[in-house]
Amino acid sequence: FELQKLGEFDTKRSSWIKTPAEIRELGGALYCD
């Protein structure tokens, strides 16, 4: 979110982000765009 304050990024693609352990334990992972 700090990066996105500096410009417009990932308007056509997405990026995996560091995922909290409780989400990983359930088999999930987070991404942003």
PDB file of all heavy atoms in Angstrom:
ATOM      1  N   PHE A   1       0.827  -1.203   0.000  1.00  0.00           N
ATOM      2  CA  PHE A   1       0.000   0.000   0.000  1.00  0.00           C
ATOM      3  C   PHE A   1       0.868   1.262   0.000  1.00  0.00           C
ATOM      4  O   PHE A   1       0.524   2.259  -0.638  1.00  0.00           O
ATOM      5  CB  PHE A   1      -0.985  -0.007   1.175  1.00  0.00           C
ATOM      6  CG  PHE A   1      -2.251  -0.757   0.879  1.00  0.00           C
ATOM      7  CD1 PHE A   1      -2.293  -2.147   0.987  1.00  0.00           C
ATOM      8  CD2 PHE A   1      -3.397  -0.094   0.464  1.00  0.00           C
ATOM      9  CE1 PHE A   1      -3.451  -2.850   0.695  1.00  0.00           C
ATOM     10  CE2 PHE A   1      -4.567  -0.788   0.176  1.00  0.00           C
ATOM     11  CZ  PHE A   1      -4.594  -2.176   0.287  1.00  0.00           C
ATOM     12  N   GLU A   2       2.016   1.226   0.685  1.00  0.00           N
ATOM     13  CA  GLU A   2       2.948   2.356   0.666  1.00  0.00           C
ATOM     14  C   GLU A   2       3.497   2.562  -0.754  1.00  0.00           C
ATOM     15  O   GLU A   2       3.608   3.693  -1.224  1.00  0.00           O
ATOM     16  CB  GLU A   2       4.095   2.148   1.657  1.00  0.00           C
ATOM     17  CG  GLU A   2       3.699   2.337   3.107  1.00  0.00           C
ATOM     18  CD  GLU A   2       3.151   3.725   3.401  1.00  0.00           C
ATOM     19  OE1 GLU A   2       3.755   4.732   2.968  1.00  0.00           O
ATOM     20  OE2 GLU A   2       2.088   3.809   4.063  1.00  0.00           O
ATOM     21  N   LEU A   3       3.860   1.471  -1.418  1.00  0.00           N
ATOM     22  CA  LEU A   3       4.340   1.566  -2.798  1.00  0.00           C
ATOM     23  C   LEU A   3       3.289   2.234  -3.681  1.00  0.00           C
ATOM     24  O   LEU A   3       3.617   3.103  -4.490  1.00  0.00           O
ATOM     25  CB  LEU A   3       4.677   0.173  -3.340  1.00  0.00           C
ATOM     26  CG  LEU A   3       5.033   0.110  -4.834  1.00  0.00           C
ATOM     27  CD1 LEU A   3       6.370   0.792  -5.095  1.00  0.00           C
ATOM     28  CD2 LEU A   3       5.045  -1.330  -5.322  1.00  0.00           C
ATOM     29  N   GLN A   4       2.042   1.858  -3.510  1.00  0.00           N
ATOM     30  CA  GLN A   4       0.975   2.382  -4.365  1.00  0.00           C
ATOM     31  C   GLN A   4       0.735   3.885  -4.145  1.00  0.00           C
ATOM     32  O   GLN A   4       0.143   4.536  -5.000  1.00  0.00           O
ATOM     33  CB  GLN A   4      -0.321   1.595  -4.155  1.00  0.00           C
ATOM     34  CG  GLN A   4      -0.261   0.182  -4.693  1.00  0.00           C
ATOM     35  CD  GLN A   4      -0.342   0.109  -6.215  1.00  0.00           C
ATOM     36  OE1 GLN A   4      -0.471   1.111  -6.917  1.00  0.00           O
ATOM     37  NE2 GLN A   4      -0.270  -1.095  -6.750  1.00  0.00           N
ATOM     38  N   LYS A   5       1.219   4.441  -3.057  1.00  0.00           N
ATOM     39  CA  LYS A   5       1.137   5.888  -2.836  1.00  0.00           C
ATOM     40  C   LYS A   5       2.140   6.635  -3.717  1.00  0.00           C
ATOM     41  O   LYS A   5       2.037   7.838  -3.905  1.00  0.00           O
ATOM     42  CB  LYS A   5       1.402   6.230  -1.371  1.00  0.00           C
ATOM     43  CG  LYS A   5       0.302   5.775  -0.438  1.00  0.00           C
ATOM     44  CD  LYS A   5       0.675   6.087   1.002  1.00  0.00           C
ATOM     45  CE  LYS A   5      -0.369   5.546   1.957  1.00  0.00           C
ATOM     46  NZ  LYS A   5       0.024   5.768   3.366  1.00  0.00           N
ATOM     47  N   LEU A   6       3.133   5.904  -4.256  1.00  0.00           N
ATOM     48  CA  LEU A   6       4.191   6.516  -5.078  1.00  0.00           C
ATOM     49  C   LEU A   6       3.873   6.483  -6.569  1.00  0.00           C
ATOM     50  O   LEU A   6       4.626   7.020  -7.374  1.00  0.00           O
ATOM     51  CB  LEU A   6       5.523   5.786  -4.822  1.00  0.00           C
ATOM     52  CG  LEU A   6       5.999   5.779  -3.376  1.00  0.00           C
ATOM     53  CD1 LEU A   6       7.251   4.922  -3.240  1.00  0.00           C
ATOM     54  CD2 LEU A   6       6.250   7.200  -2.889  1.00  0.00           C
ATOM     55  N   GLY A   7       2.801   5.833  -6.952  1.00  0.00           N
ATOM     56  CA  GLY A   7       2.436   5.722  -8.360  1.00  0.00           C
ATOM     57  C   GLY A   7       1.362   4.670  -8.529  1.00  0.00           C
ATOM     58  O   GLY A   7       0.784   4.196  -7.548  1.00  0.00           O
ATOM     59  N   GLU A   8       1.103   4.316  -9.777  1.00  0.00           N
ATOM     60  CA  GLU A   8       0.115   3.268 -10.058  1.00  0.00           C
ATOM     61  C   GLU A   8       0.853   2.035 -10.559  1.00  0.00           C
ATOM     62  O   GLU A   8       1.406   2.039 -11.651  1.00  0.00           O
ATOM     63  CB  GLU A   8      -0.906   3.762 -11.075  1.00  0.00           C
ATOM     64  CG  GLU A   8      -1.777   4.862 -10.509  1.00  0.00           C
ATOM     65  CD  GLU A   8      -2.979   5.170 -11.376  1.00  0.00           C
ATOM     66  OE1 GLU A   8      -3.182   4.506 -12.417  1.00  0.00           O
ATOM     67  OE2 GLU A   8      -3.725   6.079 -10.993  1.00  0.00           O
ATOM     68  N   PHE A   9       0.841   0.993  -9.755  1.00  0.00           N
ATOM     69  CA  PHE A   9       1.559  -0.234 -10.040  1.00  0.00           C
ATOM     70  C   PHE A   9       0.583  -1.402 -10.166  1.00  0.00           C
ATOM     71  O   PHE A   9      -0.473  -1.406  -9.537  1.00  0.00           O
ATOM     72  CB  PHE A   9       2.574  -0.524  -8.921  1.00  0.00           C
ATOM     73  CG  PHE A   9       3.583   0.571  -8.726  1.00  0.00           C
ATOM     74  CD1 PHE A   9       3.360   1.599  -7.818  1.00  0.00           C
ATOM     75  CD2 PHE A   9       4.756   0.592  -9.478  1.00  0.00           C
ATOM     76  CE1 PHE A   9       4.288   2.616  -7.646  1.00  0.00           C
ATOM     77  CE2 PHE A   9       5.684   1.604  -9.305  1.00  0.00           C
ATOM     78  CZ  PHE A   9       5.455   2.618  -8.395  1.00  0.00           C
ATOM     79  N   ASP A  10       0.958  -2.392 -10.955  1.00  0.00           N
ATOM     80  CA  ASP A  10       0.170  -3.620 -11.118  1.00  0.00           C
ATOM     81  C   ASP A  10      -1.258  -3.355 -11.588  1.00  0.00           C
ATOM     82  O   ASP A  10      -2.220  -3.915 -11.071  1.00  0.00           O
ATOM     83  CB  ASP A  10       0.162  -4.454  -9.827  1.00  0.00           C
ATOM     84  CG  ASP A  10       1.516  -5.032  -9.488  1.00  0.00           C
ATOM     85  OD1 ASP A  10       2.364  -5.130 -10.391  1.00  0.00           O
ATOM     86  OD2 ASP A  10       1.723  -5.388  -8.312  1.00  0.00           O
ATOM     87  N   THR A  11      -1.392  -2.543 -12.625  1.00  0.00           N
ATOM     88  CA  THR A  11      -2.713  -2.283 -13.195  1.00  0.00           C
ATOM     89  C   THR A  11      -3.147  -3.381 -14.164  1.00  0.00           C
ATOM     90  O   THR A  11      -4.315  -3.449 -14.536  1.00  0.00           O
ATOM     91  CB  THR A  11      -2.732  -0.934 -13.941  1.00  0.00           C
ATOM     92  OG1 THR A  11      -1.728  -0.961 -14.966  1.00  0.00           O
ATOM     93  CG2 THR A  11      -2.469   0.227 -12.983  1.00  0.00           C
ATOM     94  N   LYS A  12      -2.217  -4.236 -14.575  1.00  0.00           N
ATOM     95  CA  LYS A  12      -2.525  -5.339 -15.492  1.00  0.00           C
ATOM     96  C   LYS A  12      -2.101  -6.695 -14.941  1.00  0.00           C
ATOM     97  O   LYS A  12      -2.463  -7.724 -15.496  1.00  0.00           O
ATOM     98  CB  LYS A  12      -1.822  -5.121 -16.830  1.00  0.00           C
ATOM     99  CG  LYS A  12      -2.269  -3.873 -17.543  1.00  0.00           C
ATOM    100  CD  LYS A  12      -1.470  -3.633 -18.794  1.00  0.00           C
ATOM    101  CE  LYS A  12      -1.908  -2.323 -19.426  1.00  0.00           C
ATOM    102  NZ  LYS A  12      -1.014  -1.876 -20.458  1.00  0.00           N
ATOM    103  N   ARG A  13      -1.302  -6.696 -13.896  1.00  0.00           N
ATOM    104  CA  ARG A  13      -0.801  -7.931 -13.307  1.00  0.00           C
ATOM    105  C   ARG A  13      -1.012  -7.860 -11.810  1.00  0.00           C
ATOM    106  O   ARG A  13      -1.538  -6.881 -11.295  1.00  0.00           O
ATOM    107  CB  ARG A  13       0.687  -8.096 -13.632  1.00  0.00           C
ATOM    108  CG  ARG A  13       0.948  -8.160 -15.124  1.00  0.00           C
ATOM    109  CD  ARG A  13       2.418  -8.215 -15.398  1.00  0.00           C
ATOM    110  NE  ARG A  13       2.673  -9.437 -16.139  1.00  0.00           N
ATOM    111  CZ  ARG A  13       3.858  -9.911 -16.396  1.00  0.00           C
ATOM    112  NH1 ARG A  13       4.933  -9.293 -15.968  1.00  0.00           N
ATOM    113  NH2 ARG A  13       4.008 -11.012 -17.085  1.00  0.00           N
ATOM    114  N   SER A  14      -0.559  -8.876 -11.083  1.00  0.00           N
ATOM    115  CA  SER A  14      -0.690  -8.886  -9.625  1.00  0.00           C
ATOM    116  C   SER A  14       0.589  -9.427  -8.996  1.00  0.00           C
ATOM    117  O   SER A  14       1.404 -10.047  -9.671  1.00  0.00           O
ATOM    118  CB  SER A  14      -1.897  -9.728  -9.197  1.00  0.00           C
ATOM    119  OG  SER A  14      -1.752 -11.067  -9.637  1.00  0.00           O
ATOM    120  N   SER A  15       0.741  -9.163  -7.700  1.00  0.00           N
ATOM    121  CA  SER A  15       1.956  -9.551  -6.972  1.00  0.00           C
ATOM    122  C   SER A  15       1.599 -10.300  -5.696  1.00  0.00           C
ATOM    123  O   SER A  15       0.786  -9.818  -4.896  1.00  0.00           O
ATOM    124  CB  SER A  15       2.759  -8.303  -6.583  1.00  0.00           C
ATOM    125  OG  SER A  15       3.236  -7.611  -7.713  1.00  0.00           O
ATOM    126  N   TRP A  16       2.237 -11.475  -5.505  1.00  0.00           N
ATOM    127  CA  TRP A  16       2.121 -12.161  -4.223  1.00  0.00           C
ATOM    128  C   TRP A  16       2.675 -11.228  -3.148  1.00  0.00           C
ATOM    129  O   TRP A  16       3.650 -10.504  -3.385  1.00  0.00           O
ATOM    130  CB  TRP A  16       2.963 -13.427  -4.198  1.00  0.00           C
ATOM    131  CG  TRP A  16       2.479 -14.599  -4.990  1.00  0.00           C
ATOM    132  CD1 TRP A  16       3.113 -15.169  -6.051  1.00  0.00           C
ATOM    133  CD2 TRP A  16       1.312 -15.397  -4.767  1.00  0.00           C
ATOM    134  NE1 TRP A  16       2.407 -16.264  -6.504  1.00  0.00           N
ATOM    135  CE2 TRP A  16       1.289 -16.418  -5.733  1.00  0.00           C
ATOM    136  CE3 TRP A  16       0.266 -15.331  -3.835  1.00  0.00           C
ATOM    137  CZ2 TRP A  16       0.285 -17.371  -5.797  1.00  0.00           C
ATOM    138  CZ3 TRP A  16      -0.744 -16.280  -3.899  1.00  0.00           C
ATOM    139  CH2 TRP A  16      -0.730 -17.284  -4.869  1.00  0.00           C
ATOM    140  N   ILE A  17       2.097 -11.243  -1.962  1.00  0.00           N
ATOM    141  CA  ILE A  17       2.625 -10.486  -0.823  1.00  0.00           C
ATOM    142  C   ILE A  17       2.836 -11.447   0.348  1.00  0.00           C
ATOM    143  O   ILE A  17       2.296 -12.552   0.356  1.00  0.00           O
ATOM    144  CB  ILE A  17       1.708  -9.313  -0.402  1.00  0.00           C
ATOM    145  CG1 ILE A  17       0.320  -9.820   0.010  1.00  0.00           C
ATOM    146  CG2 ILE A  17       1.630  -8.269  -1.520  1.00  0.00           C
ATOM    147  CD1 ILE A  17      -0.544  -8.756   0.683  1.00  0.00           C
ATOM    148  N   LYS A  18       3.626 -11.009   1.322  1.00  0.00           N
ATOM    149  CA  LYS A  18       3.884 -11.832   2.503  1.00  0.00           C
ATOM    150  C   LYS A  18       2.545 -12.130   3.181  1.00  0.00           C
ATOM    151  O   LYS A  18       1.772 -11.221   3.480  1.00  0.00           O
ATOM    152  CB  LYS A  18       4.822 -11.096   3.463  1.00  0.00           C
ATOM    153  CG  LYS A  18       5.387 -11.981   4.536  1.00  0.00           C
ATOM    154  CD  LYS A  18       6.386 -11.260   5.396  1.00  0.00           C
ATOM    155  CE  LYS A  18       7.685 -11.066   4.628  1.00  0.00           C
ATOM    156  NZ  LYS A  18       8.745 -10.515   5.467  1.00  0.00           N
ATOM    157  N   THR A  19       2.287 -13.390   3.376  1.00  0.00           N
ATOM    158  CA  THR A  19       0.993 -13.843   3.879  1.00  0.00           C
ATOM    159  C   THR A  19       1.082 -14.239   5.351  1.00  0.00           C
ATOM    160  O   THR A  19       1.997 -14.971   5.735  1.00  0.00           O
ATOM    161  CB  THR A  19       0.506 -15.040   3.029  1.00  0.00           C
ATOM    162  OG1 THR A  19       0.374 -14.600   1.666  1.00  0.00           O
ATOM    163  CG2 THR A  19      -0.823 -15.572   3.514  1.00  0.00           C
ATOM    164  N   PRO A  20       0.144 -13.775   6.178  1.00  0.00           N
ATOM    165  CA  PRO A  20       0.148 -14.145   7.597  1.00  0.00           C
ATOM    166  C   PRO A  20       0.045 -15.663   7.789  1.00  0.00           C
ATOM    167  O   PRO A  20      -0.612 -16.365   7.020  1.00  0.00           O
ATOM    168  CB  PRO A  20      -1.101 -13.445   8.156  1.00  0.00           C
ATOM    169  CG  PRO A  20      -1.364 -12.320   7.203  1.00  0.00           C
ATOM    170  CD  PRO A  20      -0.934 -12.832   5.853  1.00  0.00           C
ATOM    171  N   ALA A  21       0.674 -16.163   8.852  1.00  0.00           N
ATOM    172  CA  ALA A  21       0.732 -17.598   9.137  1.00  0.00           C
ATOM    173  C   ALA A  21      -0.653 -18.226   9.237  1.00  0.00           C
ATOM    174  O   ALA A  21      -0.869 -19.341   8.753  1.00  0.00           O
ATOM    175  CB  ALA A  21       1.524 -17.841  10.427  1.00  0.00           C
ATOM    176  N   GLU A  22      -1.613 -17.521   9.825  1.00  0.00           N
ATOM    177  CA  GLU A  22      -2.946 -18.111   9.997  1.00  0.00           C
ATOM    178  C   GLU A  22      -3.644 -18.361   8.658  1.00  0.00           C
ATOM    179  O   GLU A  22      -4.408 -19.311   8.522  1.00  0.00           O
ATOM    180  CB  GLU A  22      -3.828 -17.276  10.936  1.00  0.00           C
ATOM    181  CG  GLU A  22      -4.096 -15.858  10.506  1.00  0.00           C
ATOM    182  CD  GLU A  22      -3.060 -14.836  10.968  1.00  0.00           C
ATOM    183  OE1 GLU A  22      -1.973 -15.234  11.445  1.00  0.00           O
ATOM    184  OE2 GLU A  22      -3.331 -13.631  10.825  1.00  0.00           O
ATOM    185  N   ILE A  23      -3.341 -17.561   7.657  1.00  0.00           N
ATOM    186  CA  ILE A  23      -3.901 -17.785   6.315  1.00  0.00           C
ATOM    187  C   ILE A  23      -3.157 -18.928   5.628  1.00  0.00           C
ATOM    188  O   ILE A  23      -3.758 -19.793   5.000  1.00  0.00           O
ATOM    189  CB  ILE A  23      -3.856 -16.493   5.484  1.00  0.00           C
ATOM    190  CG1 ILE A  23      -4.803 -15.456   6.090  1.00  0.00           C
ATOM    191  CG2 ILE A  23      -4.222 -16.769   4.017  1.00  0.00           C
ATOM    192  CD1 ILE A  23      -4.725 -14.074   5.469  1.00  0.00           C
ATOM    193  N   ARG A  24      -1.827 -18.962   5.781  1.00  0.00           N
ATOM    194  CA  ARG A  24      -1.037 -20.040   5.188  1.00  0.00           C
ATOM    195  C   ARG A  24      -1.412 -21.397   5.772  1.00  0.00           C
ATOM    196  O   ARG A  24      -1.472 -22.392   5.057  1.00  0.00           O
ATOM    197  CB  ARG A  24       0.474 -19.787   5.395  1.00  0.00           C
ATOM    198  CG  ARG A  24       1.078 -18.842   4.423  1.00  0.00           C
ATOM    199  CD  ARG A  24       0.975 -19.310   2.968  1.00  0.00           C
ATOM    200  NE  ARG A  24       1.616 -20.601   2.781  1.00  0.00           N
ATOM    201  CZ  ARG A  24       1.002 -21.717   2.430  1.00  0.00           C
ATOM    202  NH1 ARG A  24      -0.271 -21.752   2.180  1.00  0.00           N
ATOM    203  NH2 ARG A  24       1.688 -22.847   2.294  1.00  0.00           N
ATOM    204  N   GLU A  25      -1.692 -21.444   7.067  1.00  0.00           N
ATOM    205  CA  GLU A  25      -2.071 -22.701   7.709  1.00  0.00           C
ATOM    206  C   GLU A  25      -3.352 -23.278   7.117  1.00  0.00           C
ATOM    207  O   GLU A  25      -3.572 -24.487   7.150  1.00  0.00           O
ATOM    208  CB  GLU A  25      -2.227 -22.503   9.222  1.00  0.00           C
ATOM    209  CG  GLU A  25      -0.896 -22.316   9.918  1.00  0.00           C
ATOM    210  CD  GLU A  25      -1.032 -21.859  11.362  1.00  0.00           C
ATOM    211  OE1 GLU A  25      -2.162 -21.865  11.909  1.00  0.00           O
ATOM    212  OE2 GLU A  25       0.001 -21.482  11.934  1.00  0.00           O
ATOM    213  N   LEU A  26      -4.182 -22.425   6.546  1.00  0.00           N
ATOM    214  CA  LEU A  26      -5.430 -22.858   5.912  1.00  0.00           C
ATOM    215  C   LEU A  26      -5.252 -23.114   4.417  1.00  0.00           C
ATOM    216  O   LEU A  26      -6.216 -23.414   3.719  1.00  0.00           O
ATOM    217  CB  LEU A  26      -6.523 -21.811   6.152  1.00  0.00           C
ATOM    218  CG  LEU A  26      -6.903 -21.597   7.617  1.00  0.00           C
ATOM    219  CD1 LEU A  26      -7.830 -20.402   7.767  1.00  0.00           C
ATOM    220  CD2 LEU A  26      -7.529 -22.862   8.197  1.00  0.00           C
ATOM    221  N   GLY A  27      -4.007 -22.982   3.920  1.00  0.00           N
ATOM    222  CA  GLY A  27      -3.712 -23.276   2.514  1.00  0.00           C
ATOM    223  C   GLY A  27      -3.787 -22.088   1.575  1.00  0.00           C
ATOM    224  O   GLY A  27      -3.603 -22.232   0.369  1.00  0.00           O
ATOM    225  N   GLY A  28      -4.039 -20.909   2.111  1.00  0.00           N
ATOM    226  CA  GLY A  28      -4.181 -19.724   1.272  1.00  0.00           C
ATOM    227  C   GLY A  28      -2.941 -18.856   1.228  1.00  0.00           C
ATOM    228  O   GLY A  28      -2.002 -19.042   1.999  1.00  0.00           O
ATOM    229  N   ALA A  29      -2.956 -17.918   0.293  1.00  0.00           N
ATOM    230  CA  ALA A  29      -1.906 -16.907   0.173  1.00  0.00           C
ATOM    231  C   ALA A  29      -2.529 -15.644  -0.404  1.00  0.00           C
ATOM    232  O   ALA A  29      -3.545 -15.700  -1.102  1.00  0.00           O
ATOM    233  CB  ALA A  29      -0.772 -17.402  -0.714  1.00  0.00           C
ATOM    234  N   LEU A  30      -1.923 -14.501  -0.105  1.00  0.00           N
ATOM    235  CA  LEU A  30      -2.464 -13.212  -0.527  1.00  0.00           C
ATOM    236  C   LEU A  30      -1.683 -12.616  -1.692  1.00  0.00           C
ATOM    237  O   LEU A  30      -0.485 -12.839  -1.827  1.00  0.00           O
ATOM    238  CB  LEU A  30      -2.430 -12.226   0.639  1.00  0.00           C
ATOM    239  CG  LEU A  30      -3.201 -12.631   1.891  1.00  0.00           C
ATOM    240  CD1 LEU A  30      -3.028 -11.565   2.967  1.00  0.00           C
ATOM    241  CD2 LEU A  30      -4.667 -12.866   1.588  1.00  0.00           C
ATOM    242  N   TYR A  31      -2.389 -11.845  -2.491  1.00  0.00           N
ATOM    243  CA  TYR A  31      -1.771 -11.076  -3.571  1.00  0.00           C
ATOM    244  C   TYR A  31      -2.457  -9.717  -3.620  1.00  0.00           C
ATOM    245  O   TYR A  31      -3.549  -9.526  -3.056  1.00  0.00           O
ATOM    246  CB  TYR A  31      -1.879 -11.800  -4.914  1.00  0.00           C
ATOM    247  CG  TYR A  31      -3.285 -11.912  -5.444  1.00  0.00           C
ATOM    248  CD1 TYR A  31      -3.827 -10.915  -6.263  1.00  0.00           C
ATOM    249  CD2 TYR A  31      -4.084 -12.993  -5.124  1.00  0.00           C
ATOM    250  CE1 TYR A  31      -5.121 -11.012  -6.741  1.00  0.00           C
ATOM    251  CE2 TYR A  31      -5.380 -13.101  -5.598  1.00  0.00           C
ATOM    252  CZ  TYR A  31      -5.893 -12.103  -6.407  1.00  0.00           C
ATOM    253  OH  TYR A  31      -7.181 -12.187  -6.873  1.00  0.00           O
ATOM    254  N   CYS A  32      -1.825  -8.770  -4.288  1.00  0.00           N
ATOM    255  CA  CYS A  32      -2.387  -7.433  -4.447  1.00  0.00           C
ATOM    256  C   CYS A  32      -2.281  -6.993  -5.897  1.00  0.00           C
ATOM    257  O   CYS A  32      -1.422  -7.461  -6.645  1.00  0.00           O
ATOM    258  CB  CYS A  32      -1.631  -6.414  -3.587  1.00  0.00           C
ATOM    259  SG  CYS A  32      -1.892  -6.572  -1.820  1.00  0.00           S
ATOM    260  N   ASP A  33      -3.154  -6.059  -6.252  1.00  0.00           N
ATOM    261  CA  ASP A  33      -3.086  -5.390  -7.547  1.00  0.00           C
ATOM    262  C   ASP A  33      -3.871  -4.084  -7.464  1.00  0.00           C
ATOM    263  O   ASP A  33      -4.463  -3.774  -6.431  1.00  0.00           O
ATOM    264  CB  ASP A  33      -3.600  -6.286  -8.684  1.00  0.00           C
ATOM    265  CG  ASP A  33      -5.017  -6.792  -8.482  1.00  0.00           C
ATOM    266  OD1 ASP A  33      -5.798  -6.178  -7.737  1.00  0.00           O
ATOM    267  OD2 ASP A  33      -5.347  -7.825  -9.095  1.00  0.00           O
TER     268      ASP A  33
END
